[in-house]
Amino acid sequence: MRWLKQTTSADVPIGPFLDATDGVTALTGLTLTQPDIRLKKNAAAWAQKAAAQTLSHEENGFYEVTLDATDTGTLGLLRLAVFESGALPVWEDFLVVPANIYDSIVLGSDLLDTSLVQIAGTAQSATDLKDFADTGYDPSSHKVTGVVLADTVTTYTGNTPQTGDAYARIGATGSGLTSLASAANLAVVAGYVDTEIAAIKAKTDEIPADIDGLTLTELLRVIGAVLIGKASGLDTTTAIFRAIDDSKDRVEATVDADGNRSAVTIDETV
């Protein structure tokens, strides 16, 4: 399906026109005129093309037809059909699209238009959206219809600040922070922080200071060496495990042929 620009004249090839008897022989001498070219624009009734024209043969049974601005004036599907005596029927389907769509996608000479109409499923006024684009966000005048502030249950219905909303509380006095920085509000925040810190401390207090004489850090050094450090002598009676950074022998174990350890020496120091 070929695209056509709305309300714009276009010369398009149609065909091939082939002999109705053998379906192969190209018909190069047909006389195709305006009444022969039938158009159907979407659900409209069939009608001949708008302008008078006798089509010119190009080659191999293809003829060129001019569809003028009237022919391409209706957006959507456009079918062109020709039923000429002695020839097999010929038809072509086109899609008529707006000029900026055609210029953007087909010609690459324009950009697709986008129109911001809704935010969060709610239609916005052109004034609101233009104010945002021109001047940036101004909480005293720019309110997005339908949006609920995070710290309130106020739903805006226009550009008027609502009593109790974040703007009214922040911008109502002095520097704009007085009402938020009250002693009562600060006390609530401080109490919340103290509670969270106490909960964290309770968890860290459960970690033992040492395990069998080793601090948690020292124990992790030894465990790390055995799990991911270099190892040697595993097929002998003395297995050696290196520190993760390969700086020293961290663990030396005496083992028998079955891998049973009878003695272990560790170096947990840095």
Protein backbone atom coordinates (compact mmCIF):
# COMPACT_ATOMS: atom_id res chain seq x y z
CA MET A 1 0.00 0.00 0.00
CA ARG A 2 1.43 3.34 -1.09
CA TRP A 3 1.15 6.56 0.91
CA LEU A 4 -0.20 9.82 -0.53
CA LYS A 5 -0.02 13.29 1.00
CA GLN A 6 -3.45 14.73 1.77
CA THR A 7 -4.76 17.38 -0.66
CA THR A 8 -1.63 17.12 -2.81
CA SER A 9 -1.42 16.20 -6.48
CA ALA A 10 0.58 13.05 -7.24
CA ASP A 11 1.52 11.20 -10.44
CA VAL A 12 1.34 7.45 -9.80
CA PRO A 13 1.88 4.43 -12.08
CA ILE A 14 -0.92 1.89 -12.37
CA GLY A 15 -0.86 -1.52 -14.00
CA PRO A 16 0.29 -3.63 -15.62
CA PHE A 17 -2.67 -3.84 -17.99
CA LEU A 18 -2.60 -7.37 -19.45
CA ASP A 19 -4.61 -9.01 -22.19
CA ALA A 20 -7.80 -10.53 -20.79
CA THR A 21 -7.39 -13.59 -23.01
CA ASP A 22 -3.91 -14.81 -22.18
CA GLY A 23 -3.24 -12.78 -19.01
CA VAL A 24 0.36 -12.22 -20.15
CA THR A 25 0.54 -9.83 -23.09
CA ALA A 26 1.04 -6.20 -21.99
CA LEU A 27 -1.48 -3.79 -23.52
CA THR A 28 0.40 -0.67 -24.57
CA GLY A 29 -2.15 1.14 -26.72
CA LEU A 30 -5.17 1.50 -24.44
CA THR A 31 -7.11 4.74 -24.33
CA LEU A 32 -7.69 5.38 -20.64
CA THR A 33 -9.55 8.58 -19.77
CA GLN A 34 -11.12 10.26 -16.75
CA PRO A 35 -14.34 8.16 -16.66
CA ASP A 36 -12.26 4.95 -16.67
CA ILE A 37 -10.45 5.85 -13.44
CA ARG A 38 -12.76 5.02 -10.52
CA LEU A 39 -11.99 6.04 -6.96
CA LYS A 40 -13.40 5.01 -3.59
CA LYS A 41 -12.44 7.20 -0.63
CA ASN A 42 -12.97 5.25 2.58
CA ALA A 43 -16.73 4.53 2.81
CA ALA A 44 -17.77 7.08 0.19
CA ALA A 45 -19.45 6.02 -3.05
CA TRP A 46 -17.37 5.18 -6.12
CA ALA A 47 -16.72 8.14 -8.42
CA GLN A 48 -14.49 9.02 -11.35
CA LYS A 49 -11.29 10.92 -10.66
CA ALA A 50 -11.67 14.68 -10.45
CA ALA A 51 -9.70 16.05 -13.42
CA ALA A 52 -9.97 15.15 -17.10
CA GLN A 53 -6.96 13.20 -18.38
CA THR A 54 -5.94 10.72 -21.06
CA LEU A 55 -3.36 8.42 -19.51
CA SER A 56 0.04 7.98 -21.15
CA HIS A 57 1.59 4.54 -21.54
CA GLU A 58 5.03 4.30 -19.94
CA GLU A 59 6.26 0.73 -20.49
CA ASN A 60 5.22 -2.91 -20.21
CA GLY A 61 1.54 -2.09 -19.76
CA PHE A 62 2.03 0.54 -17.04
CA TYR A 63 0.23 3.87 -17.39
CA GLU A 64 0.65 7.06 -15.35
CA VAL A 65 -2.37 8.69 -13.73
CA THR A 66 -2.52 12.07 -11.98
CA LEU A 67 -4.47 12.18 -8.72
CA ASP A 68 -5.12 15.84 -7.96
CA ALA A 69 -5.74 17.63 -4.63
CA THR A 70 -9.44 16.72 -4.78
CA ASP A 71 -8.69 13.03 -5.32
CA THR A 72 -6.33 12.98 -2.30
CA GLY A 73 -8.45 15.27 -0.14
CA THR A 74 -9.91 12.56 2.12
CA LEU A 75 -7.73 10.97 4.80
CA GLY A 76 -7.64 7.20 5.02
CA LEU A 77 -7.95 4.40 2.48
CA LEU A 78 -8.19 5.26 -1.22
CA ARG A 79 -8.80 2.56 -3.81
CA LEU A 80 -8.28 3.21 -7.53
CA ALA A 81 -9.80 0.71 -9.97
CA VAL A 82 -9.86 0.44 -13.79
CA PHE A 83 -12.03 -2.04 -15.71
CA GLU A 84 -11.08 -1.63 -19.37
CA SER A 85 -12.55 -3.76 -22.15
CA GLY A 86 -10.06 -6.40 -23.32
CA ALA A 87 -7.83 -6.02 -20.27
CA LEU A 88 -7.70 -7.70 -16.91
CA PRO A 89 -8.96 -5.49 -14.05
CA VAL A 90 -6.34 -3.26 -12.42
CA TRP A 91 -6.60 -1.71 -8.97
CA GLU A 92 -4.30 0.06 -6.54
CA ASP A 93 -4.69 0.83 -2.84
CA PHE A 94 -3.34 4.01 -1.25
CA LEU A 95 -3.29 5.47 2.25
CA VAL A 96 -3.86 9.22 2.36
CA VAL A 97 -2.08 10.72 5.37
CA PRO A 98 -1.76 14.28 6.77
CA ALA A 99 0.91 16.42 5.15
CA ASN A 100 3.21 16.55 8.19
CA ILE A 101 3.03 12.75 8.57
CA TYR A 102 3.97 12.24 4.91
CA ASP A 103 6.73 14.85 5.04
CA SER A 104 8.14 13.41 8.28
CA ILE A 105 8.07 9.68 7.50
CA VAL A 106 8.31 9.56 3.70
CA LEU A 107 10.26 12.68 2.75
CA GLY A 108 12.10 13.30 6.04
CA SER A 109 11.58 17.05 5.60
CA ASP A 110 9.43 17.63 8.70
CA LEU A 111 9.02 16.44 12.28
CA LEU A 112 6.10 14.55 13.73
CA ASP A 113 3.88 16.78 15.87
CA THR A 114 3.22 15.73 19.45
CA SER A 115 0.55 17.30 21.60
CA LEU A 116 0.60 16.84 25.38
CA VAL A 117 -3.05 16.69 26.34
CA GLN A 118 -3.17 14.55 29.46
CA ILE A 119 -1.09 13.99 32.57
CA ALA A 120 -1.87 10.85 34.56
CA GLY A 121 -5.00 10.35 32.44
CA THR A 122 -6.40 13.81 33.19
CA ALA A 123 -6.84 16.45 30.50
CA GLN A 124 -4.85 19.65 31.07
CA SER A 125 -5.66 23.14 29.90
CA ALA A 126 -3.57 24.75 27.19
CA THR A 127 -2.82 27.61 29.60
CA ASP A 128 -1.34 25.29 32.23
CA LEU A 129 0.85 23.46 29.72
CA LYS A 130 2.02 26.68 28.04
CA ASP A 131 2.91 28.22 31.42
CA PHE A 132 5.05 25.19 32.24
CA ALA A 133 6.85 25.43 28.89
CA ASP A 134 7.34 29.21 28.95
CA THR A 135 8.22 29.97 32.56
CA GLY A 136 8.94 26.71 34.31
CA TYR A 137 7.13 25.44 37.38
CA ASP A 138 5.70 28.13 39.64
CA PRO A 139 3.80 26.52 42.55
CA SER A 140 1.85 29.73 43.17
CA SER A 141 0.08 29.51 39.82
CA HIS A 142 0.79 26.16 38.16
CA LYS A 143 -1.38 23.35 39.43
CA VAL A 144 -1.78 20.17 37.38
CA THR A 145 -5.41 19.15 37.38
CA GLY A 146 -6.00 15.80 39.06
CA VAL A 147 -2.54 15.47 40.64
CA VAL A 148 -2.47 14.80 44.40
CA LEU A 149 0.47 16.12 46.38
CA ALA A 150 2.56 13.41 48.02
CA ASP A 151 2.14 14.77 51.55
CA THR A 152 -1.54 15.75 51.35
CA VAL A 153 -4.86 14.47 50.14
CA THR A 154 -5.56 17.69 48.26
CA THR A 155 -6.60 17.24 44.65
CA TYR A 156 -6.18 20.33 42.50
CA THR A 157 -9.07 21.41 40.33
CA GLY A 158 -7.39 24.40 38.73
CA ASN A 159 -4.65 26.98 39.27
CA THR A 160 -5.71 28.10 42.77
CA PRO A 161 -3.58 26.88 45.73
CA GLN A 162 -5.68 24.87 48.15
CA THR A 163 -5.80 25.45 51.91
CA GLY A 164 -3.47 23.04 53.65
CA ASP A 165 -1.48 22.09 50.56
CA ALA A 166 2.30 22.00 50.47
CA TYR A 167 2.58 25.37 48.76
CA ALA A 168 0.25 27.09 51.19
CA ARG A 169 2.18 25.72 54.16
CA ILE A 170 5.65 26.41 52.78
CA GLY A 171 5.01 29.75 51.12
CA ALA A 172 2.62 31.29 53.61
CA THR A 173 5.12 32.82 56.02
CA GLY A 174 8.50 34.51 56.08
CA SER A 175 11.25 32.54 54.38
CA GLY A 176 8.79 29.84 53.35
CA LEU A 177 10.14 27.30 55.87
CA THR A 178 8.69 28.68 59.12
CA SER A 179 5.57 26.55 59.19
CA LEU A 180 7.46 23.36 58.36
CA ALA A 181 10.31 24.00 60.79
CA SER A 182 8.13 24.37 63.87
CA ALA A 183 9.26 22.83 67.15
CA ALA A 184 6.47 20.27 66.98
CA ASN A 185 7.42 19.13 63.48
CA LEU A 186 11.12 18.94 64.36
CA ALA A 187 10.31 16.89 67.45
CA VAL A 188 8.40 14.37 65.33
CA VAL A 189 11.34 14.04 62.94
CA ALA A 190 13.85 13.70 65.78
CA GLY A 191 11.74 11.00 67.43
CA TYR A 192 11.55 9.04 64.20
CA VAL A 193 15.33 9.24 63.70
CA ASP A 194 16.01 8.16 67.29
CA THR A 195 13.73 5.14 66.89
CA GLU A 196 15.45 4.03 63.68
CA ILE A 197 18.94 4.46 65.17
CA ALA A 198 17.97 2.45 68.26
CA ALA A 199 16.65 -0.38 66.06
CA ILE A 200 19.92 -0.49 64.08
CA LYS A 201 21.99 -0.49 67.28
CA ALA A 202 19.95 -3.37 68.69
CA LYS A 203 20.86 -5.47 65.68
CA THR A 204 24.57 -4.61 65.74
CA ASP A 205 24.74 -5.31 69.49
CA GLU A 206 23.86 -8.93 68.73
CA ILE A 207 27.14 -9.41 66.84
CA PRO A 208 29.66 -10.98 69.30
CA ALA A 209 32.89 -9.08 69.94
CA ASP A 210 34.94 -12.22 69.31
CA ILE A 211 34.48 -15.90 68.49
CA ASP A 212 36.89 -18.30 70.21
CA GLY A 213 39.35 -15.47 70.68
CA LEU A 214 39.09 -14.16 67.13
CA THR A 215 37.43 -10.90 66.20
CA LEU A 216 34.92 -10.99 63.36
CA THR A 217 37.50 -9.43 61.03
CA GLU A 218 40.15 -12.00 61.95
CA LEU A 219 37.70 -14.85 61.54
CA LEU A 220 36.73 -13.61 58.08
CA ARG A 221 40.41 -13.48 57.06
CA VAL A 222 40.81 -17.14 57.93
CA ILE A 223 37.51 -18.21 56.34
CA GLY A 224 38.32 -16.24 53.19
CA ALA A 225 41.71 -17.93 52.83
CA VAL A 226 40.21 -21.43 53.06
CA LEU A 227 37.31 -20.66 50.73
CA ILE A 228 38.88 -18.55 47.98
CA GLY A 229 42.63 -18.26 48.69
CA LYS A 230 45.32 -20.17 46.82
CA ALA A 231 45.93 -23.69 48.13
CA SER A 232 48.80 -26.18 47.90
CA GLY A 233 49.70 -29.60 49.28
CA LEU A 234 46.14 -30.86 49.25
CA ASP A 235 47.38 -34.26 48.10
CA THR A 236 49.99 -34.41 50.90
CA THR A 237 49.83 -34.46 54.68
CA THR A 238 50.23 -30.68 54.90
CA ALA A 239 47.60 -28.44 53.28
CA ILE A 240 48.46 -24.76 52.91
CA PHE A 241 45.89 -21.99 52.30
CA ARG A 242 47.15 -18.54 51.31
CA ALA A 243 45.69 -15.16 52.28
CA ILE A 244 43.26 -13.75 49.73
CA ASP A 245 45.85 -11.13 48.71
CA ASP A 246 48.51 -13.89 48.50
CA SER A 247 50.61 -12.08 51.11
CA LYS A 248 51.17 -15.00 53.47
CA ASP A 249 50.25 -18.54 54.46
CA ARG A 250 47.04 -18.00 56.38
CA VAL A 251 46.14 -21.61 57.32
CA GLU A 252 48.37 -24.72 57.64
CA ALA A 253 46.57 -28.00 58.30
CA THR A 254 48.05 -31.44 59.01
CA VAL A 255 45.87 -34.09 57.34
CA ASP A 256 45.95 -37.83 56.78
CA ALA A 257 45.22 -39.76 53.58
CA ASP A 258 41.47 -39.46 54.25
CA GLY A 259 41.63 -35.70 54.63
CA ASN A 260 41.14 -35.76 58.42
CA ARG A 261 42.78 -32.76 60.08
CA SER A 262 44.81 -33.50 63.19
CA ALA A 263 46.31 -30.04 63.67
CA VAL A 264 45.65 -26.56 62.32
CA THR A 265 47.83 -23.45 62.53
CA ILE A 266 46.37 -20.09 61.54
CA ASP A 267 47.76 -16.61 61.04
CA GLU A 268 44.89 -14.16 61.40
CA THR A 269 47.03 -11.04 61.45
CA VAL A 270 47.15 -8.42 58.71
